[in-house]
Amino acid sequence: MSEENLEIVRRAIAAFNARDNSAWNELTAADIEIHPVPEWPENSVVRGRDDVWDFLIGNETAWEGGDYILTEEAVAGETVLACVERAVAGKESGVPVGDLRFYGVFEVRDRELVRGDYFLSRDQALESAGLSE
C-alpha cells in the first residue's frame, strides 16, 4: 500500500502541473483538507476538493515557472512525505525569484488524498510524518 500511496501523490502533483482538475479530483477525497505553511500569509486550513483546488490555483497567480518536481520522497504507512521544488519568477516582471522549496506531508486513505500539511523545514515535515531522524 505504501508504494501505491506514493504513486497517488505523484499522480496528483502531475495532474496539478497539467492543470487537469478532473484527474486531480479523481485522486482527492471530497473532504480533503490542506494546512498551508504556517509562515505563509495564506495559512488558514482549506477544506473541500473545490476550495483546495481554487486555493492552490490562486497561489499560482503571482508566479511564472515550470512544473513542481518531487526531489525527495519517503513513506510511512498511509503518510507520504515529499520535498517539492520549482524554479519561479515574478509573473509580471519575469524576474527570477529562485527555487521554491517546501515539504508536503500527505495522508492517503482508500486511494485518495485526504490531507496535506506543508512545511518549509525538512525537520518539521519529518516529525509530522513520524519519520524523525
N, C-alpha and C. Protein backbone atom coordinates (compact mmCIF):
# COMPACT_ATOMS: atom_id res chain seq x y z
N MET A 1 0.82 -1.20 0.00
CA MET A 1 0.00 0.00 0.00
C MET A 1 0.86 1.27 0.00
N SER A 2 2.02 1.22 0.64
CA SER A 2 2.86 2.41 0.73
C SER A 2 3.29 2.93 -0.64
N GLU A 3 3.76 2.04 -1.50
CA GLU A 3 4.16 2.46 -2.84
C GLU A 3 2.97 2.99 -3.63
N GLU A 4 1.81 2.39 -3.43
CA GLU A 4 0.60 2.87 -4.09
C GLU A 4 0.26 4.28 -3.62
N ASN A 5 0.42 4.54 -2.34
CA ASN A 5 0.15 5.88 -1.81
C ASN A 5 1.11 6.91 -2.40
N LEU A 6 2.37 6.54 -2.52
CA LEU A 6 3.35 7.43 -3.13
C LEU A 6 2.96 7.71 -4.58
N GLU A 7 2.52 6.70 -5.30
CA GLU A 7 2.11 6.90 -6.69
C GLU A 7 0.90 7.83 -6.79
N ILE A 8 -0.01 7.75 -5.85
CA ILE A 8 -1.18 8.65 -5.84
C ILE A 8 -0.72 10.09 -5.66
N VAL A 9 0.23 10.33 -4.77
CA VAL A 9 0.76 11.68 -4.57
C VAL A 9 1.45 12.15 -5.85
N ARG A 10 2.26 11.31 -6.45
CA ARG A 10 2.93 11.68 -7.71
C ARG A 10 1.91 12.05 -8.79
N ARG A 11 0.88 11.23 -8.93
CA ARG A 11 -0.13 11.49 -9.96
C ARG A 11 -0.92 12.77 -9.67
N ALA A 12 -1.20 13.05 -8.40
CA ALA A 12 -1.92 14.28 -8.04
C ALA A 12 -1.09 15.52 -8.38
N ILE A 13 0.21 15.46 -8.11
CA ILE A 13 1.08 16.59 -8.45
C ILE A 13 1.20 16.74 -9.96
N ALA A 14 1.27 15.63 -10.68
CA ALA A 14 1.31 15.69 -12.14
C ALA A 14 0.01 16.28 -12.69
N ALA A 15 -1.12 15.91 -12.10
CA ALA A 15 -2.41 16.46 -12.54
C ALA A 15 -2.45 17.96 -12.28
N PHE A 16 -1.94 18.39 -11.13
CA PHE A 16 -1.90 19.83 -10.84
C PHE A 16 -0.99 20.55 -11.82
N ASN A 17 0.19 19.99 -12.08
CA ASN A 17 1.11 20.60 -13.05
C ASN A 17 0.44 20.79 -14.40
N ALA A 18 -0.39 19.83 -14.79
CA ALA A 18 -1.09 19.89 -16.08
C ALA A 18 -2.37 20.73 -16.00
N ARG A 19 -2.69 21.19 -14.80
CA ARG A 19 -3.94 21.92 -14.53
C ARG A 19 -5.15 21.08 -14.95
N ASP A 20 -5.03 19.79 -14.70
CA ASP A 20 -6.08 18.83 -15.04
C ASP A 20 -6.95 18.58 -13.81
N ASN A 21 -7.96 19.43 -13.65
CA ASN A 21 -8.82 19.36 -12.47
C ASN A 21 -9.56 18.03 -12.39
N SER A 22 -9.97 17.47 -13.51
CA SER A 22 -10.69 16.19 -13.50
C SER A 22 -9.81 15.07 -12.95
N ALA A 23 -8.58 14.99 -13.42
CA ALA A 23 -7.66 13.96 -12.93
C ALA A 23 -7.35 14.18 -11.46
N TRP A 24 -7.16 15.44 -11.07
CA TRP A 24 -6.87 15.75 -9.67
C TRP A 24 -8.05 15.35 -8.78
N ASN A 25 -9.27 15.63 -9.24
CA ASN A 25 -10.47 15.26 -8.47
C ASN A 25 -10.56 13.75 -8.25
N GLU A 26 -10.14 12.96 -9.22
CA GLU A 26 -10.19 11.51 -9.09
C GLU A 26 -9.23 10.98 -8.02
N LEU A 27 -8.23 11.79 -7.67
CA LEU A 27 -7.20 11.36 -6.73
C LEU A 27 -7.38 11.96 -5.34
N THR A 28 -8.37 12.84 -5.18
CA THR A 28 -8.57 13.53 -3.90
C THR A 28 -9.94 13.23 -3.33
N ALA A 29 -10.00 13.18 -2.01
CA ALA A 29 -11.28 12.98 -1.32
C ALA A 29 -12.11 14.25 -1.41
N ALA A 30 -13.42 14.10 -1.44
CA ALA A 30 -14.31 15.26 -1.50
C ALA A 30 -14.07 16.20 -0.32
N ASP A 31 -13.69 15.63 0.83
CA ASP A 31 -13.48 16.45 2.03
C ASP A 31 -12.00 16.66 2.35
N ILE A 32 -11.15 16.61 1.32
CA ILE A 32 -9.71 16.85 1.53
C ILE A 32 -9.50 18.15 2.29
N GLU A 33 -8.47 18.18 3.09
CA GLU A 33 -8.09 19.43 3.74
C GLU A 33 -6.59 19.61 3.64
N ILE A 34 -6.20 20.88 3.51
CA ILE A 34 -4.78 21.18 3.50
C ILE A 34 -4.49 22.23 4.57
N HIS A 35 -3.29 22.10 5.09
CA HIS A 35 -2.78 23.01 6.12
C HIS A 35 -1.55 23.68 5.53
N PRO A 36 -1.71 24.91 5.02
CA PRO A 36 -0.58 25.59 4.36
C PRO A 36 0.58 25.84 5.33
N VAL A 37 1.71 26.20 4.76
CA VAL A 37 2.89 26.54 5.55
C VAL A 37 2.50 27.62 6.56
N PRO A 38 2.75 27.38 7.86
CA PRO A 38 2.34 28.36 8.87
C PRO A 38 2.92 29.75 8.67
N GLU A 39 4.12 29.84 8.08
CA GLU A 39 4.77 31.14 7.89
C GLU A 39 4.22 31.92 6.70
N TRP A 40 3.41 31.31 5.87
CA TRP A 40 2.87 32.00 4.70
C TRP A 40 1.69 32.88 5.09
N PRO A 41 1.47 33.96 4.36
CA PRO A 41 0.32 34.83 4.66
C PRO A 41 -1.03 34.10 4.56
N GLU A 42 -1.16 33.22 3.56
CA GLU A 42 -2.40 32.45 3.38
C GLU A 42 -2.21 31.12 4.10
N ASN A 43 -2.40 31.12 5.43
CA ASN A 43 -2.07 29.93 6.19
C ASN A 43 -3.25 29.28 6.90
N SER A 44 -4.47 29.67 6.54
CA SER A 44 -5.66 29.05 7.14
C SER A 44 -5.91 27.69 6.50
N VAL A 45 -6.46 26.77 7.29
CA VAL A 45 -6.81 25.45 6.79
C VAL A 45 -7.86 25.61 5.69
N VAL A 46 -7.70 24.85 4.61
CA VAL A 46 -8.65 24.88 3.49
C VAL A 46 -9.26 23.49 3.39
N ARG A 47 -10.59 23.45 3.30
CA ARG A 47 -11.31 22.16 3.27
C ARG A 47 -12.21 22.07 2.04
N GLY A 48 -12.29 20.86 1.52
CA GLY A 48 -13.17 20.59 0.39
C GLY A 48 -12.42 20.62 -0.92
N ARG A 49 -12.71 19.66 -1.77
CA ARG A 49 -11.99 19.48 -3.04
C ARG A 49 -11.96 20.75 -3.89
N ASP A 50 -13.09 21.39 -4.08
CA ASP A 50 -13.13 22.59 -4.93
C ASP A 50 -12.37 23.75 -4.30
N ASP A 51 -12.55 23.95 -2.99
CA ASP A 51 -11.86 25.05 -2.31
C ASP A 51 -10.34 24.83 -2.29
N VAL A 52 -9.91 23.59 -2.09
CA VAL A 52 -8.48 23.30 -2.11
C VAL A 52 -7.90 23.56 -3.50
N TRP A 53 -8.58 23.08 -4.53
CA TRP A 53 -8.11 23.33 -5.91
C TRP A 53 -8.01 24.83 -6.17
N ASP A 54 -9.06 25.58 -5.82
CA ASP A 54 -9.05 27.03 -6.05
C ASP A 54 -7.93 27.71 -5.27
N PHE A 55 -7.67 27.26 -4.05
CA PHE A 55 -6.59 27.82 -3.24
C PHE A 55 -5.24 27.58 -3.92
N LEU A 56 -5.01 26.34 -4.35
CA LEU A 56 -3.74 26.02 -4.99
C LEU A 56 -3.55 26.79 -6.29
N ILE A 57 -4.59 26.86 -7.10
CA ILE A 57 -4.50 27.64 -8.35
C ILE A 57 -4.30 29.12 -8.05
N GLY A 58 -4.99 29.62 -7.03
CA GLY A 58 -4.86 31.03 -6.65
C GLY A 58 -3.44 31.39 -6.24
N ASN A 59 -2.74 30.46 -5.65
CA ASN A 59 -1.36 30.72 -5.25
C ASN A 59 -0.41 30.81 -6.43
N GLU A 60 -0.88 30.42 -7.59
CA GLU A 60 -0.06 30.45 -8.80
C GLU A 60 -0.08 31.80 -9.50
N THR A 61 -1.00 32.68 -9.14
CA THR A 61 -1.22 33.91 -9.91
C THR A 61 -0.02 34.84 -9.95
N ALA A 62 0.82 34.82 -8.92
CA ALA A 62 1.96 35.74 -8.89
C ALA A 62 3.21 35.18 -9.55
N TRP A 63 3.21 33.89 -9.88
CA TRP A 63 4.44 33.24 -10.31
C TRP A 63 4.37 32.71 -11.74
N GLU A 64 5.51 32.71 -12.34
CA GLU A 64 5.72 32.06 -13.63
C GLU A 64 6.79 31.01 -13.37
N GLY A 65 6.61 29.85 -13.91
CA GLY A 65 7.63 28.84 -13.67
C GLY A 65 7.24 27.51 -14.26
N GLY A 66 8.09 26.56 -14.05
CA GLY A 66 7.87 25.22 -14.58
C GLY A 66 7.04 24.38 -13.64
N ASP A 67 7.14 23.10 -13.82
CA ASP A 67 6.38 22.15 -13.03
C ASP A 67 6.96 21.99 -11.64
N TYR A 68 6.11 21.58 -10.72
CA TYR A 68 6.55 21.16 -9.40
C TYR A 68 7.21 19.79 -9.57
N ILE A 69 8.35 19.62 -8.92
CA ILE A 69 9.12 18.39 -9.04
C ILE A 69 9.34 17.81 -7.64
N LEU A 70 9.13 16.51 -7.50
CA LEU A 70 9.41 15.84 -6.24
C LEU A 70 10.90 15.50 -6.20
N THR A 71 11.62 16.04 -5.22
CA THR A 71 13.05 15.80 -5.15
C THR A 71 13.43 14.87 -4.00
N GLU A 72 12.49 14.58 -3.13
CA GLU A 72 12.72 13.65 -2.03
C GLU A 72 11.38 13.02 -1.68
N GLU A 73 11.38 11.74 -1.42
CA GLU A 73 10.14 11.04 -1.09
C GLU A 73 10.41 10.05 0.02
N ALA A 74 9.45 9.91 0.91
CA ALA A 74 9.52 8.91 1.97
C ALA A 74 8.09 8.50 2.31
N VAL A 75 7.92 7.26 2.75
CA VAL A 75 6.59 6.74 3.04
C VAL A 75 6.59 6.10 4.42
N ALA A 76 5.51 6.37 5.18
CA ALA A 76 5.30 5.72 6.47
C ALA A 76 3.82 5.37 6.55
N GLY A 77 3.47 4.15 6.20
CA GLY A 77 2.06 3.73 6.23
C GLY A 77 1.23 4.51 5.23
N GLU A 78 0.20 5.20 5.73
CA GLU A 78 -0.68 5.99 4.86
C GLU A 78 -0.11 7.36 4.56
N THR A 79 1.02 7.69 5.16
CA THR A 79 1.60 9.03 5.05
C THR A 79 2.75 9.05 4.06
N VAL A 80 2.75 10.07 3.21
CA VAL A 80 3.81 10.27 2.22
C VAL A 80 4.43 11.63 2.47
N LEU A 81 5.74 11.67 2.57
CA LEU A 81 6.46 12.93 2.68
C LEU A 81 7.13 13.19 1.34
N ALA A 82 7.01 14.41 0.86
CA ALA A 82 7.64 14.77 -0.41
C ALA A 82 8.23 16.16 -0.32
N CYS A 83 9.47 16.30 -0.78
CA CYS A 83 10.05 17.63 -0.96
C CYS A 83 9.66 18.07 -2.36
N VAL A 84 9.05 19.23 -2.45
CA VAL A 84 8.52 19.73 -3.71
C VAL A 84 9.30 21.00 -4.07
N GLU A 85 9.83 21.03 -5.28
CA GLU A 85 10.61 22.19 -5.72
C GLU A 85 10.13 22.69 -7.08
N ARG A 86 10.37 23.97 -7.29
CA ARG A 86 10.00 24.59 -8.56
C ARG A 86 10.78 25.89 -8.71
N ALA A 87 11.37 26.13 -9.86
CA ALA A 87 12.01 27.41 -10.15
C ALA A 87 10.91 28.40 -10.50
N VAL A 88 10.93 29.59 -9.89
CA VAL A 88 9.87 30.56 -10.14
C VAL A 88 10.45 31.94 -10.46
N ALA A 89 9.63 32.70 -11.18
CA ALA A 89 9.92 34.10 -11.49
C ALA A 89 8.63 34.88 -11.33
N GLY A 90 8.75 36.16 -11.10
CA GLY A 90 7.56 37.00 -11.00
C GLY A 90 6.80 37.00 -12.31
N LYS A 91 5.49 36.82 -12.24
CA LYS A 91 4.68 36.73 -13.46
C LYS A 91 4.71 38.06 -14.22
N GLU A 92 4.57 39.15 -13.52
CA GLU A 92 4.55 40.48 -14.17
C GLU A 92 5.94 40.91 -14.61
N SER A 93 6.94 40.73 -13.74
CA SER A 93 8.27 41.24 -14.01
C SER A 93 9.15 40.29 -14.79
N GLY A 94 8.90 38.98 -14.64
CA GLY A 94 9.77 37.99 -15.24
C GLY A 94 11.08 37.81 -14.49
N VAL A 95 11.24 38.54 -13.39
CA VAL A 95 12.48 38.46 -12.61
C VAL A 95 12.54 37.12 -11.88
N PRO A 96 13.62 36.37 -12.08
CA PRO A 96 13.75 35.09 -11.38
C PRO A 96 13.80 35.30 -9.87
N VAL A 97 13.02 34.54 -9.15
CA VAL A 97 12.99 34.61 -7.70
C VAL A 97 13.88 33.52 -7.12
N GLY A 98 14.03 32.44 -7.84
CA GLY A 98 14.84 31.33 -7.37
C GLY A 98 13.99 30.08 -7.25
N ASP A 99 14.49 29.15 -6.47
CA ASP A 99 13.77 27.90 -6.29
C ASP A 99 12.83 27.99 -5.11
N LEU A 100 11.59 27.63 -5.35
CA LEU A 100 10.61 27.49 -4.29
C LEU A 100 10.73 26.06 -3.80
N ARG A 101 10.90 25.88 -2.50
CA ARG A 101 11.02 24.53 -1.93
C ARG A 101 10.15 24.46 -0.68
N PHE A 102 9.36 23.43 -0.62
CA PHE A 102 8.60 23.15 0.59
C PHE A 102 8.41 21.65 0.71
N TYR A 103 7.96 21.24 1.87
CA TYR A 103 7.76 19.82 2.15
C TYR A 103 6.28 19.57 2.39
N GLY A 104 5.77 18.57 1.72
CA GLY A 104 4.38 18.18 1.91
C GLY A 104 4.31 16.84 2.62
N VAL A 105 3.44 16.78 3.62
CA VAL A 105 3.16 15.52 4.30
C VAL A 105 1.71 15.20 3.94
N PHE A 106 1.54 14.16 3.14
CA PHE A 106 0.24 13.83 2.57
C PHE A 106 -0.31 12.55 3.19
N GLU A 107 -1.57 12.59 3.53
CA GLU A 107 -2.23 11.39 4.04
C GLU A 107 -3.13 10.83 2.95
N VAL A 108 -2.97 9.56 2.67
CA VAL A 108 -3.76 8.87 1.64
C VAL A 108 -4.58 7.80 2.34
N ARG A 109 -5.86 7.79 2.04
CA ARG A 109 -6.74 6.76 2.59
C ARG A 109 -7.69 6.31 1.49
N ASP A 110 -7.86 5.01 1.36
CA ASP A 110 -8.76 4.44 0.34
C ASP A 110 -8.44 4.99 -1.05
N ARG A 111 -7.14 5.09 -1.34
CA ARG A 111 -6.65 5.53 -2.66
C ARG A 111 -7.01 6.97 -3.00
N GLU A 112 -7.20 7.80 -1.97
CA GLU A 112 -7.47 9.22 -2.19
C GLU A 112 -6.63 10.05 -1.23
N LEU A 113 -6.17 11.19 -1.73
CA LEU A 113 -5.52 12.16 -0.85
C LEU A 113 -6.59 12.75 0.06
N VAL A 114 -6.37 12.70 1.36
CA VAL A 114 -7.35 13.23 2.30
C VAL A 114 -6.82 14.44 3.07
N ARG A 115 -5.49 14.60 3.10
CA ARG A 115 -4.92 15.71 3.86
C ARG A 115 -3.52 16.01 3.35
N GLY A 116 -3.19 17.30 3.39
CA GLY A 116 -1.84 17.74 3.08
C GLY A 116 -1.41 18.78 4.10
N ASP A 117 -0.25 18.57 4.70
CA ASP A 117 0.35 19.54 5.62
C ASP A 117 1.65 20.00 4.99
N TYR A 118 1.88 21.32 4.95
CA TYR A 118 3.03 21.87 4.25
C TYR A 118 3.96 22.56 5.23
N PHE A 119 5.26 22.41 5.00
CA PHE A 119 6.28 22.96 5.88
C PHE A 119 7.44 23.51 5.05
N LEU A 120 8.13 24.51 5.60
CA LEU A 120 9.35 25.00 4.98
C LEU A 120 10.55 24.19 5.47
N SER A 121 10.45 23.62 6.65
CA SER A 121 11.54 22.90 7.27
C SER A 121 11.40 21.39 7.06
N ARG A 122 12.48 20.79 6.61
CA ARG A 122 12.51 19.34 6.43
C ARG A 122 12.30 18.63 7.77
N ASP A 123 12.94 19.15 8.82
CA ASP A 123 12.80 18.52 10.14
C ASP A 123 11.36 18.54 10.63
N GLN A 124 10.66 19.65 10.43
CA GLN A 124 9.25 19.72 10.83
C GLN A 124 8.42 18.71 10.05
N ALA A 125 8.69 18.59 8.76
CA ALA A 125 7.94 17.64 7.93
C ALA A 125 8.22 16.20 8.36
N LEU A 126 9.48 15.88 8.61
CA LEU A 126 9.83 14.54 9.05
C LEU A 126 9.13 14.21 10.37
N GLU A 127 9.13 15.16 11.29
CA GLU A 127 8.46 14.94 12.58
C GLU A 127 6.96 14.73 12.38
N SER A 128 6.35 15.57 11.55
CA SER A 128 4.91 15.44 11.27
C SER A 128 4.58 14.08 10.65
N ALA A 129 5.46 13.59 9.80
CA ALA A 129 5.23 12.31 9.11
C ALA A 129 5.61 11.10 9.97
N GLY A 130 6.17 11.37 11.16
CA GLY A 130 6.60 10.26 12.01
C GLY A 130 7.88 9.61 11.52
N LEU A 131 8.70 10.40 10.83
CA LEU A 131 9.94 9.88 10.25
C LEU A 131 11.17 10.60 10.79
N SER A 132 11.07 11.18 11.98
CA SER A 132 12.20 11.94 12.54
C SER A 132 13.47 11.12 12.54
N GLU A 133 14.56 11.82 12.22
CA GLU A 133 15.86 11.12 12.16
C GLU A 133 16.53 11.11 13.52
